[in-house]
Amino acid sequence: MRSPSIARRAARVAIALGLTLAAVAAIAQTVSPRAAIDAANAKFSADFAKGDANAVASHYTAGAWAFPPNGEIAKGREAIAKVWKGAMDAGIKQVKLTTLEVESHGDAAHEAGTYALMGEGGKQLDNGKYVVVWKKDGGQWKIHRDIWNTSMPAPK
């Protein structure tokens, strides 16, 4: 007669464990993709302000592509680090990003926004718009495709 009692207890424990795991999973997913991407953008900007092109490139997936204005496609973190190092060497000290929209689709998301590039003393050197495709990589949102272009008029 003890078997049915043990089986019932085991079933209760299994149900309780399942409910606990479901609750933990729900809590873990409470950070919205928008909030995670906003945080990633803040870290990107902070790493840029430190002048660390490799840290900036670490925000990209290993297979990322960047499409800088007036340049060729930079494929992979090493090439992307060179793009950002070139921007730093050109006198850009700070990147300000303003997210206008984030839409997520499972482990991918896209973001549209505006940027401002600041030089010495906070002087604005450029402003424009961008579109980023994000991918979840190792549980973190990383930039997978990145294109931006200026909103400033072409020089005459």
C-alpha atoms as a PDB file:
ATOM      1  CA  MET A   1       0.000   0.000   0.000  1.00  0.00           C
ATOM      2  CA  ARG A   2       2.954   2.343   0.366  1.00  0.00           C
ATOM      3  CA  SER A   3       3.720   2.404  -3.399  1.00  0.00           C
ATOM      4  CA  PRO A   4       0.746   4.561  -4.417  1.00  0.00           C
ATOM      5  CA  SER A   5       1.618   7.039  -1.650  1.00  0.00           C
ATOM      6  CA  ILE A   6       5.253   7.260  -2.789  1.00  0.00           C
ATOM      7  CA  ALA A   7       4.120   7.635  -6.409  1.00  0.00           C
ATOM      8  CA  ARG A   8       1.757  10.468  -5.418  1.00  0.00           C
ATOM      9  CA  ARG A   9       4.498  12.237  -3.474  1.00  0.00           C
ATOM     10  CA  ALA A  10       6.898  11.882  -6.397  1.00  0.00           C
ATOM     11  CA  ALA A  11       4.245  13.297  -8.729  1.00  0.00           C
ATOM     12  CA  ARG A  12       3.689  16.267  -6.399  1.00  0.00           C
ATOM     13  CA  VAL A  13       7.429  16.920  -6.195  1.00  0.00           C
ATOM     14  CA  ALA A  14       7.713  16.702 -10.000  1.00  0.00           C
ATOM     15  CA  ILE A  15       4.831  19.144 -10.443  1.00  0.00           C
ATOM     16  CA  ALA A  16       6.284  21.540  -7.870  1.00  0.00           C
ATOM     17  CA  LEU A  17       9.697  21.338  -9.516  1.00  0.00           C
ATOM     18  CA  GLY A  18       8.160  21.968 -12.947  1.00  0.00           C
ATOM     19  CA  LEU A  19       6.271  25.015 -11.679  1.00  0.00           C
ATOM     20  CA  THR A  20       9.417  26.361 -10.002  1.00  0.00           C
ATOM     21  CA  LEU A  21      11.463  25.937 -13.185  1.00  0.00           C
ATOM     22  CA  ALA A  22       8.739  27.635 -15.235  1.00  0.00           C
ATOM     23  CA  ALA A  23       8.712  30.581 -12.812  1.00  0.00           C
ATOM     24  CA  VAL A  24      12.516  30.901 -12.960  1.00  0.00           C
ATOM     25  CA  ALA A  25      12.415  30.823 -16.767  1.00  0.00           C
ATOM     26  CA  ALA A  26       9.730  33.522 -16.813  1.00  0.00           C
ATOM     27  CA  ILE A  27      11.763  35.742 -14.470  1.00  0.00           C
ATOM     28  CA  ALA A  28      14.895  35.243 -16.585  1.00  0.00           C
ATOM     29  CA  GLN A  29      13.036  36.509 -19.644  1.00  0.00           C
ATOM     30  CA  THR A  30      11.619  39.623 -17.972  1.00  0.00           C
ATOM     31  CA  VAL A  31      14.398  41.754 -19.440  1.00  0.00           C
ATOM     32  CA  SER A  32      12.886  42.840 -22.723  1.00  0.00           C
ATOM     33  CA  PRO A  33      14.981  42.825 -25.879  1.00  0.00           C
ATOM     34  CA  ARG A  34      14.587  46.635 -25.955  1.00  0.00           C
ATOM     35  CA  ALA A  35      16.010  46.995 -22.438  1.00  0.00           C
ATOM     36  CA  ALA A  36      18.874  44.599 -23.206  1.00  0.00           C
ATOM     37  CA  ILE A  37      19.693  46.435 -26.456  1.00  0.00           C
ATOM     38  CA  ASP A  38      19.531  49.820 -24.699  1.00  0.00           C
ATOM     39  CA  ALA A  39      22.013  48.489 -22.119  1.00  0.00           C
ATOM     40  CA  ALA A  40      24.264  47.079 -24.874  1.00  0.00           C
ATOM     41  CA  ASN A  41      24.213  50.444 -26.658  1.00  0.00           C
ATOM     42  CA  ALA A  42      25.176  52.246 -23.444  1.00  0.00           C
ATOM     43  CA  LYS A  43      28.132  49.871 -22.993  1.00  0.00           C
ATOM     44  CA  PHE A  44      29.092  50.310 -26.674  1.00  0.00           C
ATOM     45  CA  SER A  45      29.163  54.094 -26.199  1.00  0.00           C
ATOM     46  CA  ALA A  46      31.158  53.789 -22.956  1.00  0.00           C
ATOM     47  CA  ASP A  47      33.732  51.510 -24.612  1.00  0.00           C
ATOM     48  CA  PHE A  48      34.015  53.954 -27.519  1.00  0.00           C
ATOM     49  CA  ALA A  49      34.539  56.887 -25.126  1.00  0.00           C
ATOM     50  CA  LYS A  50      37.449  54.929 -23.564  1.00  0.00           C
ATOM     51  CA  GLY A  51      39.043  54.730 -27.018  1.00  0.00           C
ATOM     52  CA  ASP A  52      39.006  50.921 -26.989  1.00  0.00           C
ATOM     53  CA  ALA A  53      38.205  49.741 -30.530  1.00  0.00           C
ATOM     54  CA  ASN A  54      38.585  46.066 -29.573  1.00  0.00           C
ATOM     55  CA  ALA A  55      36.049  46.450 -26.767  1.00  0.00           C
ATOM     56  CA  VAL A  56      33.684  48.172 -29.212  1.00  0.00           C
ATOM     57  CA  ALA A  57      34.152  45.290 -31.676  1.00  0.00           C
ATOM     58  CA  SER A  58      33.317  42.796 -28.905  1.00  0.00           C
ATOM     59  CA  HIS A  59      29.707  44.017 -29.118  1.00  0.00           C
ATOM     60  CA  TYR A  60      29.465  42.352 -32.544  1.00  0.00           C
ATOM     61  CA  THR A  61      28.965  38.665 -33.369  1.00  0.00           C
ATOM     62  CA  ALA A  62      31.999  36.817 -34.731  1.00  0.00           C
ATOM     63  CA  GLY A  63      30.369  36.832 -38.190  1.00  0.00           C
ATOM     64  CA  ALA A  64      29.157  40.426 -38.050  1.00  0.00           C
ATOM     65  CA  TRP A  65      29.262  42.844 -40.961  1.00  0.00           C
ATOM     66  CA  ALA A  66      29.506  46.621 -40.643  1.00  0.00           C
ATOM     67  CA  PHE A  67      28.570  48.901 -43.545  1.00  0.00           C
ATOM     68  CA  PRO A  68      30.317  52.220 -42.825  1.00  0.00           C
ATOM     69  CA  PRO A  69      29.574  55.235 -45.006  1.00  0.00           C
ATOM     70  CA  ASN A  70      32.019  55.803 -47.857  1.00  0.00           C
ATOM     71  CA  GLY A  71      33.740  52.487 -47.205  1.00  0.00           C
ATOM     72  CA  GLU A  72      33.705  48.797 -47.938  1.00  0.00           C
ATOM     73  CA  ILE A  73      31.890  46.205 -45.849  1.00  0.00           C
ATOM     74  CA  ALA A  74      33.910  45.260 -42.758  1.00  0.00           C
ATOM     75  CA  LYS A  75      33.457  41.541 -42.068  1.00  0.00           C
ATOM     76  CA  GLY A  76      34.287  40.112 -38.644  1.00  0.00           C
ATOM     77  CA  ARG A  77      35.370  41.671 -35.373  1.00  0.00           C
ATOM     78  CA  GLU A  78      38.948  42.393 -36.450  1.00  0.00           C
ATOM     79  CA  ALA A  79      37.850  44.400 -39.499  1.00  0.00           C
ATOM     80  CA  ILE A  80      35.130  46.135 -37.474  1.00  0.00           C
ATOM     81  CA  ALA A  81      37.680  47.097 -34.804  1.00  0.00           C
ATOM     82  CA  LYS A  82      39.756  48.741 -37.570  1.00  0.00           C
ATOM     83  CA  VAL A  83      36.719  50.756 -38.709  1.00  0.00           C
ATOM     84  CA  TRP A  84      36.126  52.056 -35.188  1.00  0.00           C
ATOM     85  CA  LYS A  85      39.846  52.643 -34.573  1.00  0.00           C
ATOM     86  CA  GLY A  86      39.870  54.773 -37.737  1.00  0.00           C
ATOM     87  CA  ALA A  87      36.956  56.811 -36.391  1.00  0.00           C
ATOM     88  CA  MET A  88      38.767  57.294 -33.084  1.00  0.00           C
ATOM     89  CA  ASP A  89      41.968  58.307 -34.899  1.00  0.00           C
ATOM     90  CA  ALA A  90      39.923  60.823 -36.919  1.00  0.00           C
ATOM     91  CA  GLY A  91      39.051  62.654 -33.684  1.00  0.00           C
ATOM     92  CA  ILE A  92      35.720  61.128 -32.758  1.00  0.00           C
ATOM     93  CA  LYS A  93      35.607  60.909 -28.969  1.00  0.00           C
ATOM     94  CA  GLN A  94      32.030  59.912 -28.273  1.00  0.00           C
ATOM     95  CA  VAL A  95      29.098  58.144 -29.932  1.00  0.00           C
ATOM     96  CA  LYS A  96      25.585  59.045 -28.829  1.00  0.00           C
ATOM     97  CA  LEU A  97      22.909  56.565 -29.895  1.00  0.00           C
ATOM     98  CA  THR A  98      19.165  57.176 -29.744  1.00  0.00           C
ATOM     99  CA  THR A  99      17.017  54.125 -30.338  1.00  0.00           C
ATOM    100  CA  LEU A 100      13.787  54.893 -32.162  1.00  0.00           C
ATOM    101  CA  GLU A 101      12.500  51.339 -32.574  1.00  0.00           C
ATOM    102  CA  VAL A 102      13.336  47.772 -31.584  1.00  0.00           C
ATOM    103  CA  GLU A 103      11.398  44.799 -32.856  1.00  0.00           C
ATOM    104  CA  SER A 104      12.392  41.298 -31.821  1.00  0.00           C
ATOM    105  CA  HIS A 105      11.769  37.941 -33.445  1.00  0.00           C
ATOM    106  CA  GLY A 106      13.003  35.164 -31.144  1.00  0.00           C
ATOM    107  CA  ASP A 107      16.817  35.272 -31.110  1.00  0.00           C
ATOM    108  CA  ALA A 108      16.971  38.140 -33.623  1.00  0.00           C
ATOM    109  CA  ALA A 109      15.936  41.768 -33.453  1.00  0.00           C
ATOM    110  CA  HIS A 110      16.250  44.889 -35.522  1.00  0.00           C
ATOM    111  CA  GLU A 111      16.804  48.411 -34.291  1.00  0.00           C
ATOM    112  CA  ALA A 112      16.462  51.758 -36.014  1.00  0.00           C
ATOM    113  CA  GLY A 113      17.845  54.925 -34.530  1.00  0.00           C
ATOM    114  CA  THR A 114      19.865  58.086 -34.814  1.00  0.00           C
ATOM    115  CA  TYR A 115      23.423  58.850 -33.827  1.00  0.00           C
ATOM    116  CA  ALA A 116      25.648  61.814 -33.076  1.00  0.00           C
ATOM    117  CA  LEU A 117      29.451  61.662 -33.259  1.00  0.00           C
ATOM    118  CA  MET A 118      31.198  64.051 -30.927  1.00  0.00           C
ATOM    119  CA  GLY A 119      34.745  65.377 -31.024  1.00  0.00           C
ATOM    120  CA  GLU A 120      36.977  67.170 -28.570  1.00  0.00           C
ATOM    121  CA  GLY A 121      35.049  69.356 -26.137  1.00  0.00           C
ATOM    122  CA  GLY A 122      31.727  67.777 -27.117  1.00  0.00           C
ATOM    123  CA  LYS A 123      31.703  69.388 -30.575  1.00  0.00           C
ATOM    124  CA  GLN A 124      29.271  67.527 -32.852  1.00  0.00           C
ATOM    125  CA  LEU A 125      31.142  66.246 -35.901  1.00  0.00           C
ATOM    126  CA  ASP A 126      28.368  64.218 -37.532  1.00  0.00           C
ATOM    127  CA  ASN A 127      24.815  63.050 -37.045  1.00  0.00           C
ATOM    128  CA  GLY A 128      22.790  60.499 -38.909  1.00  0.00           C
ATOM    129  CA  LYS A 129      20.696  57.364 -38.757  1.00  0.00           C
ATOM    130  CA  TYR A 130      21.330  53.649 -38.475  1.00  0.00           C
ATOM    131  CA  VAL A 131      19.773  50.216 -38.702  1.00  0.00           C
ATOM    132  CA  VAL A 132      21.173  47.291 -36.721  1.00  0.00           C
ATOM    133  CA  VAL A 133      20.289  43.621 -36.868  1.00  0.00           C
ATOM    134  CA  TRP A 134      20.911  42.032 -33.467  1.00  0.00           C
ATOM    135  CA  LYS A 135      21.404  38.331 -32.714  1.00  0.00           C
ATOM    136  CA  LYS A 136      21.384  36.585 -29.387  1.00  0.00           C
ATOM    137  CA  ASP A 137      24.840  35.079 -28.968  1.00  0.00           C
ATOM    138  CA  GLY A 138      25.646  33.143 -25.811  1.00  0.00           C
ATOM    139  CA  GLY A 139      22.597  34.643 -24.111  1.00  0.00           C
ATOM    140  CA  GLN A 140      23.619  38.237 -24.964  1.00  0.00           C
ATOM    141  CA  TRP A 141      22.351  40.518 -27.691  1.00  0.00           C
ATOM    142  CA  LYS A 142      25.176  41.252 -30.142  1.00  0.00           C
ATOM    143  CA  ILE A 143      25.281  43.358 -33.288  1.00  0.00           C
ATOM    144  CA  HIS A 144      25.170  41.145 -36.380  1.00  0.00           C
ATOM    145  CA  ARG A 145      24.657  43.713 -39.169  1.00  0.00           C
ATOM    146  CA  ASP A 146      25.294  47.432 -38.739  1.00  0.00           C
ATOM    147  CA  ILE A 147      24.717  50.181 -41.303  1.00  0.00           C
ATOM    148  CA  TRP A 148      24.744  53.917 -40.747  1.00  0.00           C
ATOM    149  CA  ASN A 149      24.897  57.069 -42.813  1.00  0.00           C
ATOM    150  CA  THR A 150      25.082  60.777 -42.247  1.00  0.00           C
ATOM    151  CA  SER A 151      22.216  63.210 -42.282  1.00  0.00           C
ATOM    152  CA  MET A 152      24.575  66.109 -42.911  1.00  0.00           C
ATOM    153  CA  PRO A 153      24.699  67.665 -46.391  1.00  0.00           C
ATOM    154  CA  ALA A 154      27.531  66.659 -48.683  1.00  0.00           C
ATOM    155  CA  PRO A 155      30.395  69.169 -48.796  1.00  0.00           C
ATOM    156  CA  LYS A 156      30.235  71.584 -51.733  1.00  0.00           C
END
